[in-house]
């Protein structure tokens, strides 16, 4: 389902070391080559990275995560994942909105990302923010899938599209 209404308000916050296990669990539920707690710990330790977690109100553990980095006027979305049971409720949109605001405040004019060409839900989300295709990596993924490379012009977002949570 792509358009479920959020069942509760969404909370987005900076990830902390106490979130490492939850982040690894979310990533494992979303990707065939999941990152472990140590990988997330290294990302949290690097100040050029933004690591966010999101949850619907009332949930004890995060249900979504995002990691991005910004440098030299550009930003890159390293990963974004939402537990399958929580998809369609706005967590991905809330995470991307917060990340776009952070990237813009870090001086980035564009946010680059790649996504498997057949991941229609993710492509729909990114394109709804105005991301455009800028390239393709053939047979990039283990399953033989292509990676679509997208760019989101952060200066084109309305202030409320990239507001911090």
C-alpha atoms as a PDB file:
ATOM      1  CA  UNK A   1       0.000   0.000   0.000  1.00  0.00           C
ATOM      2  CA  UNK A   2       1.447   3.344  -0.970  1.00  0.00           C
ATOM      3  CA  UNK A   3      -1.051   5.796   0.444  1.00  0.00           C
ATOM      4  CA  UNK A   4      -2.037   4.702   3.941  1.00  0.00           C
ATOM      5  CA  UNK A   5      -2.937   7.614   6.161  1.00  0.00           C
ATOM      6  CA  UNK A   6      -0.604   8.059   9.125  1.00  0.00           C
ATOM      7  CA  UNK A   7      -2.221   6.431  12.128  1.00  0.00           C
ATOM      8  CA  UNK A   8      -0.392   8.597  14.630  1.00  0.00           C
ATOM      9  CA  UNK A   9       1.877  11.640  14.634  1.00  0.00           C
ATOM     10  CA  UNK A  10       5.390  10.903  13.415  1.00  0.00           C
ATOM     11  CA  UNK A  11       8.489  11.629  15.443  1.00  0.00           C
ATOM     12  CA  UNK A  12      11.819  12.161  13.660  1.00  0.00           C
ATOM     13  CA  UNK A  13      14.975  12.642  15.707  1.00  0.00           C
ATOM     14  CA  UNK A  14      18.727  12.313  15.504  1.00  0.00           C
ATOM     15  CA  UNK A  15      19.849   8.735  15.968  1.00  0.00           C
ATOM     16  CA  UNK A  16      21.777   7.911  19.118  1.00  0.00           C
ATOM     17  CA  UNK A  17      24.030   5.032  20.103  1.00  0.00           C
ATOM     18  CA  UNK A  18      21.084   3.474  21.927  1.00  0.00           C
ATOM     19  CA  UNK A  19      19.369   3.140  18.507  1.00  0.00           C
ATOM     20  CA  UNK A  20      22.092   1.001  16.901  1.00  0.00           C
ATOM     21  CA  UNK A  21      20.301  -2.333  17.357  1.00  0.00           C
ATOM     22  CA  UNK A  22      17.021  -0.925  16.049  1.00  0.00           C
ATOM     23  CA  UNK A  23      18.797   0.626  13.065  1.00  0.00           C
ATOM     24  CA  UNK A  24      20.446  -2.682  12.197  1.00  0.00           C
ATOM     25  CA  UNK A  25      17.073  -4.449  12.529  1.00  0.00           C
ATOM     26  CA  UNK A  26      15.337  -1.938  10.239  1.00  0.00           C
ATOM     27  CA  UNK A  27      18.124  -2.163   7.659  1.00  0.00           C
ATOM     28  CA  UNK A  28      18.013  -5.975   7.723  1.00  0.00           C
ATOM     29  CA  UNK A  29      14.255  -5.895   7.120  1.00  0.00           C
ATOM     30  CA  UNK A  30      14.706  -3.611   4.106  1.00  0.00           C
ATOM     31  CA  UNK A  31      17.873  -4.683   2.304  1.00  0.00           C
ATOM     32  CA  UNK A  32      19.494  -7.926   1.180  1.00  0.00           C
ATOM     33  CA  UNK A  33      22.944  -6.718   2.316  1.00  0.00           C
ATOM     34  CA  UNK A  34      22.151  -5.162   5.691  1.00  0.00           C
ATOM     35  CA  UNK A  35      24.473  -2.982   7.700  1.00  0.00           C
ATOM     36  CA  UNK A  36      25.242  -4.139  11.221  1.00  0.00           C
ATOM     37  CA  UNK A  37      25.421  -2.162  14.457  1.00  0.00           C
ATOM     38  CA  UNK A  38      29.146  -1.489  13.960  1.00  0.00           C
ATOM     39  CA  UNK A  39      28.521   0.071  10.547  1.00  0.00           C
ATOM     40  CA  UNK A  40      25.891   2.354  12.027  1.00  0.00           C
ATOM     41  CA  UNK A  41      28.185   3.212  14.956  1.00  0.00           C
ATOM     42  CA  UNK A  42      30.858   4.339  12.493  1.00  0.00           C
ATOM     43  CA  UNK A  43      28.332   6.456  10.603  1.00  0.00           C
ATOM     44  CA  UNK A  44      27.129   8.083  13.830  1.00  0.00           C
ATOM     45  CA  UNK A  45      30.707   8.900  14.821  1.00  0.00           C
ATOM     46  CA  UNK A  46      31.432  10.819  11.607  1.00  0.00           C
ATOM     47  CA  UNK A  47      30.207  14.415  11.935  1.00  0.00           C
ATOM     48  CA  UNK A  48      29.638  14.843   8.184  1.00  0.00           C
ATOM     49  CA  UNK A  49      26.833  12.305   8.424  1.00  0.00           C
ATOM     50  CA  UNK A  50      23.241  12.813   9.440  1.00  0.00           C
ATOM     51  CA  UNK A  51      21.561   9.786  10.998  1.00  0.00           C
ATOM     52  CA  UNK A  52      17.854   9.989  11.756  1.00  0.00           C
ATOM     53  CA  UNK A  53      15.297   7.586  13.130  1.00  0.00           C
ATOM     54  CA  UNK A  54      11.528   7.895  12.931  1.00  0.00           C
ATOM     55  CA  UNK A  55       8.567   6.322  14.620  1.00  0.00           C
ATOM     56  CA  UNK A  56       4.856   6.760  14.928  1.00  0.00           C
ATOM     57  CA  UNK A  57       3.737   8.083  18.293  1.00  0.00           C
ATOM     58  CA  UNK A  58       3.272   5.314  20.788  1.00  0.00           C
ATOM     59  CA  UNK A  59       5.958   3.080  19.281  1.00  0.00           C
ATOM     60  CA  UNK A  60       8.841   2.350  21.637  1.00  0.00           C
ATOM     61  CA  UNK A  61      11.360   1.538  18.909  1.00  0.00           C
ATOM     62  CA  UNK A  62      12.166   3.379  15.677  1.00  0.00           C
ATOM     63  CA  UNK A  63      10.397   2.072  12.598  1.00  0.00           C
ATOM     64  CA  UNK A  64      12.421   3.977  10.006  1.00  0.00           C
ATOM     65  CA  UNK A  65      15.924   5.310   9.471  1.00  0.00           C
ATOM     66  CA  UNK A  66      17.855   7.576   7.156  1.00  0.00           C
ATOM     67  CA  UNK A  67      21.571   8.296   6.791  1.00  0.00           C
ATOM     68  CA  UNK A  68      22.905  11.095   4.607  1.00  0.00           C
ATOM     69  CA  UNK A  69      26.101  13.088   4.304  1.00  0.00           C
ATOM     70  CA  UNK A  70      26.877  16.568   3.040  1.00  0.00           C
ATOM     71  CA  UNK A  71      30.171  17.991   1.795  1.00  0.00           C
ATOM     72  CA  UNK A  72      31.374  20.528  -0.753  1.00  0.00           C
ATOM     73  CA  UNK A  73      27.925  21.810  -1.674  1.00  0.00           C
ATOM     74  CA  UNK A  74      26.428  18.389  -2.361  1.00  0.00           C
ATOM     75  CA  UNK A  75      24.697  15.754  -0.271  1.00  0.00           C
ATOM     76  CA  UNK A  76      24.211  12.040  -0.671  1.00  0.00           C
ATOM     77  CA  UNK A  77      21.467   9.864   0.731  1.00  0.00           C
ATOM     78  CA  UNK A  78      23.270   6.737   1.931  1.00  0.00           C
ATOM     79  CA  UNK A  79      20.249   4.770   3.073  1.00  0.00           C
ATOM     80  CA  UNK A  80      16.586   5.160   3.884  1.00  0.00           C
ATOM     81  CA  UNK A  81      14.479   2.304   5.174  1.00  0.00           C
ATOM     82  CA  UNK A  82      11.116   1.773   6.831  1.00  0.00           C
ATOM     83  CA  UNK A  83      10.003  -1.497   8.388  1.00  0.00           C
ATOM     84  CA  UNK A  84       7.620  -3.273   6.001  1.00  0.00           C
ATOM     85  CA  UNK A  85       4.861  -3.213   8.641  1.00  0.00           C
ATOM     86  CA  UNK A  86       5.114   0.601   8.888  1.00  0.00           C
ATOM     87  CA  UNK A  87       5.328   1.488   5.184  1.00  0.00           C
ATOM     88  CA  UNK A  88       2.817   3.840   3.642  1.00  0.00           C
ATOM     89  CA  UNK A  89       2.265   5.815   6.836  1.00  0.00           C
ATOM     90  CA  UNK A  90       4.506   8.787   6.054  1.00  0.00           C
ATOM     91  CA  UNK A  91       7.710   7.785   7.843  1.00  0.00           C
ATOM     92  CA  UNK A  92       9.824   7.866   4.670  1.00  0.00           C
ATOM     93  CA  UNK A  93       8.421  11.270   3.713  1.00  0.00           C
ATOM     94  CA  UNK A  94       9.089  12.649   7.218  1.00  0.00           C
ATOM     95  CA  UNK A  95      12.657  11.332   7.173  1.00  0.00           C
ATOM     96  CA  UNK A  96      13.371  12.730   3.703  1.00  0.00           C
ATOM     97  CA  UNK A  97      11.848  16.098   4.633  1.00  0.00           C
ATOM     98  CA  UNK A  98      14.093  16.372   7.692  1.00  0.00           C
ATOM     99  CA  UNK A  99      17.160  15.255   5.736  1.00  0.00           C
ATOM    100  CA  UNK A 100      16.533  17.792   2.957  1.00  0.00           C
ATOM    101  CA  UNK A 101      16.356  20.582   5.532  1.00  0.00           C
ATOM    102  CA  UNK A 102      19.593  19.439   7.183  1.00  0.00           C
ATOM    103  CA  UNK A 103      21.402  19.101   3.843  1.00  0.00           C
ATOM    104  CA  UNK A 104      20.289  22.552   2.776  1.00  0.00           C
ATOM    105  CA  UNK A 105      21.437  24.039   6.107  1.00  0.00           C
ATOM    106  CA  UNK A 106      24.792  22.274   5.618  1.00  0.00           C
ATOM    107  CA  UNK A 107      25.212  24.209   2.356  1.00  0.00           C
ATOM    108  CA  UNK A 108      24.229  21.478  -0.081  1.00  0.00           C
ATOM    109  CA  UNK A 109      22.443  22.568  -3.240  1.00  0.00           C
ATOM    110  CA  UNK A 110      21.607  19.026  -4.377  1.00  0.00           C
ATOM    111  CA  UNK A 111      20.877  15.680  -2.776  1.00  0.00           C
ATOM    112  CA  UNK A 112      21.947  12.628  -4.769  1.00  0.00           C
ATOM    113  CA  UNK A 113      20.683   9.110  -4.239  1.00  0.00           C
ATOM    114  CA  UNK A 114      20.417   5.791  -5.941  1.00  0.00           C
ATOM    115  CA  UNK A 115      17.612   3.310  -5.762  1.00  0.00           C
ATOM    116  CA  UNK A 116      16.856   0.017  -7.438  1.00  0.00           C
ATOM    117  CA  UNK A 117      15.063   0.803 -10.665  1.00  0.00           C
ATOM    118  CA  UNK A 118      12.149  -1.472  -9.758  1.00  0.00           C
ATOM    119  CA  UNK A 119      11.557   0.031  -6.300  1.00  0.00           C
ATOM    120  CA  UNK A 120       8.430   1.911  -7.345  1.00  0.00           C
ATOM    121  CA  UNK A 121       7.462   3.100  -3.856  1.00  0.00           C
ATOM    122  CA  UNK A 122      10.878   4.692  -3.287  1.00  0.00           C
ATOM    123  CA  UNK A 123      10.966   6.189  -6.780  1.00  0.00           C
ATOM    124  CA  UNK A 124       7.495   7.653  -6.212  1.00  0.00           C
ATOM    125  CA  UNK A 125       8.607   9.189  -2.904  1.00  0.00           C
ATOM    126  CA  UNK A 126      11.762  10.763  -4.353  1.00  0.00           C
ATOM    127  CA  UNK A 127      10.008  12.032  -7.463  1.00  0.00           C
ATOM    128  CA  UNK A 128       7.243  13.541  -5.326  1.00  0.00           C
ATOM    129  CA  UNK A 129       9.975  15.761  -3.848  1.00  0.00           C
ATOM    130  CA  UNK A 130      11.092  16.750  -7.352  1.00  0.00           C
ATOM    131  CA  UNK A 131      14.038  14.376  -7.782  1.00  0.00           C
ATOM    132  CA  UNK A 132      15.027  13.773 -11.383  1.00  0.00           C
ATOM    133  CA  UNK A 133      16.919  10.913 -13.022  1.00  0.00           C
ATOM    134  CA  UNK A 134      20.538  11.774 -13.768  1.00  0.00           C
ATOM    135  CA  UNK A 135      22.001   8.367 -14.512  1.00  0.00           C
ATOM    136  CA  UNK A 136      21.811   4.616 -14.279  1.00  0.00           C
ATOM    137  CA  UNK A 137      24.165   1.903 -13.051  1.00  0.00           C
ATOM    138  CA  UNK A 138      23.487  -1.282 -14.995  1.00  0.00           C
ATOM    139  CA  UNK A 139      23.311  -4.521 -12.987  1.00  0.00           C
ATOM    140  CA  UNK A 140      24.425  -2.670  -9.849  1.00  0.00           C
ATOM    141  CA  UNK A 141      22.565  -4.820  -7.327  1.00  0.00           C
ATOM    142  CA  UNK A 142      23.277  -8.457  -6.426  1.00  0.00           C
ATOM    143  CA  UNK A 143      19.977  -9.526  -7.986  1.00  0.00           C
ATOM    144  CA  UNK A 144      21.058  -7.990 -11.299  1.00  0.00           C
ATOM    145  CA  UNK A 145      18.821  -4.938 -10.894  1.00  0.00           C
ATOM    146  CA  UNK A 146      19.842  -1.548 -12.204  1.00  0.00           C
ATOM    147  CA  UNK A 147      20.351   1.445  -9.936  1.00  0.00           C
ATOM    148  CA  UNK A 148      18.593   4.653 -10.892  1.00  0.00           C
ATOM    149  CA  UNK A 149      20.638   7.692  -9.877  1.00  0.00           C
ATOM    150  CA  UNK A 150      18.506  10.671  -8.893  1.00  0.00           C
ATOM    151  CA  UNK A 151      19.218  14.270  -7.967  1.00  0.00           C
ATOM    152  CA  UNK A 152      17.020  16.483  -5.843  1.00  0.00           C
ATOM    153  CA  UNK A 153      17.625  20.228  -6.166  1.00  0.00           C
ATOM    154  CA  UNK A 154      17.303  21.432  -2.583  1.00  0.00           C
ATOM    155  CA  UNK A 155      16.902  25.055  -3.624  1.00  0.00           C
ATOM    156  CA  UNK A 156      13.712  24.105  -5.490  1.00  0.00           C
ATOM    157  CA  UNK A 157      11.950  22.821  -2.369  1.00  0.00           C
ATOM    158  CA  UNK A 158       9.460  25.106  -0.709  1.00  0.00           C
ATOM    159  CA  UNK A 159      10.488  25.934   2.880  1.00  0.00           C
ATOM    160  CA  UNK A 160       7.712  23.762   4.312  1.00  0.00           C
ATOM    161  CA  UNK A 161       8.803  20.822   2.099  1.00  0.00           C
ATOM    162  CA  UNK A 162      12.160  20.747   3.860  1.00  0.00           C
ATOM    163  CA  UNK A 163      11.274  21.908   7.343  1.00  0.00           C
ATOM    164  CA  UNK A 164      12.879  20.209  10.292  1.00  0.00           C
ATOM    165  CA  UNK A 165      10.573  18.027  12.330  1.00  0.00           C
END
